[in-house]
Amino acid sequence: MTAGVPGEEPGAFRETRDALALMAAAHRNRPFPPGARGLDVAGQDLVLLDADA
């Protein structure tokens, strides 16, 4: 295994982190599904669970 440049992230980690950042941004930019308002998940309102995420 070859050591990278000090302070540089391994490529696989960087790609995974970037993909997760894109997915999170896409999630934040989408409206909450109207049909999911008022639904409970394990006793918690789904709107509140989404807001905490």
C-alpha atoms as a PDB file:
ATOM      1  CA  MET A   1       0.000   0.000   0.000  1.00  0.00           C
ATOM      2  CA  THR A   2       1.409   3.367  -0.969  1.00  0.00           C
ATOM      3  CA  ALA A   3       1.313   6.267   1.456  1.00  0.00           C
ATOM      4  CA  GLY A   4      -0.361   9.380   0.091  1.00  0.00           C
ATOM      5  CA  VAL A   5       0.606  12.978   0.539  1.00  0.00           C
ATOM      6  CA  PRO A   6       0.308  14.004   4.209  1.00  0.00           C
ATOM      7  CA  GLY A   7      -3.045  15.680   4.796  1.00  0.00           C
ATOM      8  CA  GLU A   8      -4.532  14.334   1.563  1.00  0.00           C
ATOM      9  CA  GLU A   9      -7.630  12.140   1.753  1.00  0.00           C
ATOM     10  CA  PRO A  10      -7.573   8.705   0.115  1.00  0.00           C
ATOM     11  CA  GLY A  11      -9.395   8.762  -3.237  1.00  0.00           C
ATOM     12  CA  ALA A  12     -12.134   6.280  -2.260  1.00  0.00           C
ATOM     13  CA  PHE A  13     -12.957   8.268   0.880  1.00  0.00           C
ATOM     14  CA  ARG A  14     -13.081  11.539  -1.057  1.00  0.00           C
ATOM     15  CA  GLU A  15     -15.353  10.026  -3.724  1.00  0.00           C
ATOM     16  CA  THR A  16     -17.700   8.593  -1.093  1.00  0.00           C
ATOM     17  CA  ARG A  17     -17.787  11.872   0.835  1.00  0.00           C
ATOM     18  CA  ASP A  18     -18.495  13.834  -2.346  1.00  0.00           C
ATOM     19  CA  ALA A  19     -21.288  11.438  -3.371  1.00  0.00           C
ATOM     20  CA  LEU A  20     -22.893  11.740   0.074  1.00  0.00           C
ATOM     21  CA  ALA A  21     -22.652  15.535  -0.080  1.00  0.00           C
ATOM     22  CA  LEU A  22     -24.442  15.522  -3.456  1.00  0.00           C
ATOM     23  CA  MET A  23     -27.181  13.221  -2.135  1.00  0.00           C
ATOM     24  CA  ALA A  24     -27.675  15.408   0.957  1.00  0.00           C
ATOM     25  CA  ALA A  25     -27.915  18.556  -1.169  1.00  0.00           C
ATOM     26  CA  ALA A  26     -30.469  16.898  -3.463  1.00  0.00           C
ATOM     27  CA  HIS A  27     -32.517  15.840  -0.423  1.00  0.00           C
ATOM     28  CA  ARG A  28     -32.483  19.341   1.060  1.00  0.00           C
ATOM     29  CA  ASN A  29     -33.613  20.879  -2.233  1.00  0.00           C
ATOM     30  CA  ARG A  30     -36.652  18.628  -2.666  1.00  0.00           C
ATOM     31  CA  PRO A  31     -40.026  19.482  -1.132  1.00  0.00           C
ATOM     32  CA  PHE A  32     -41.402  17.273   1.627  1.00  0.00           C
ATOM     33  CA  PRO A  33     -43.865  14.774   0.101  1.00  0.00           C
ATOM     34  CA  PRO A  34     -47.405  15.945   0.906  1.00  0.00           C
ATOM     35  CA  GLY A  35     -48.610  12.359   1.379  1.00  0.00           C
ATOM     36  CA  ALA A  36     -46.092  11.827   4.187  1.00  0.00           C
ATOM     37  CA  ARG A  37     -47.318  14.702   6.373  1.00  0.00           C
ATOM     38  CA  GLY A  38     -48.822  13.450   9.598  1.00  0.00           C
ATOM     39  CA  LEU A  39     -47.314   9.959   9.327  1.00  0.00           C
ATOM     40  CA  ASP A  40     -45.768   8.495  12.457  1.00  0.00           C
ATOM     41  CA  VAL A  41     -42.600   6.402  12.535  1.00  0.00           C
ATOM     42  CA  ALA A  42     -42.099   4.690  15.883  1.00  0.00           C
ATOM     43  CA  GLY A  43     -44.247   7.358  17.517  1.00  0.00           C
ATOM     44  CA  GLN A  44     -42.426  10.290  15.869  1.00  0.00           C
ATOM     45  CA  ASP A  45     -43.963  12.605  13.274  1.00  0.00           C
ATOM     46  CA  LEU A  46     -42.178  12.065   9.957  1.00  0.00           C
ATOM     47  CA  VAL A  47     -41.983  15.843   9.340  1.00  0.00           C
ATOM     48  CA  LEU A  48     -40.007  16.252  12.575  1.00  0.00           C
ATOM     49  CA  LEU A  49     -37.732  13.327  11.741  1.00  0.00           C
ATOM     50  CA  ASP A  50     -36.988  14.883   8.352  1.00  0.00           C
ATOM     51  CA  ALA A  51     -36.329  18.291   9.933  1.00  0.00           C
ATOM     52  CA  ASP A  52     -33.812  16.768  12.347  1.00  0.00           C
ATOM     53  CA  ALA A  53     -31.934  14.967   9.574  1.00  0.00           C
END
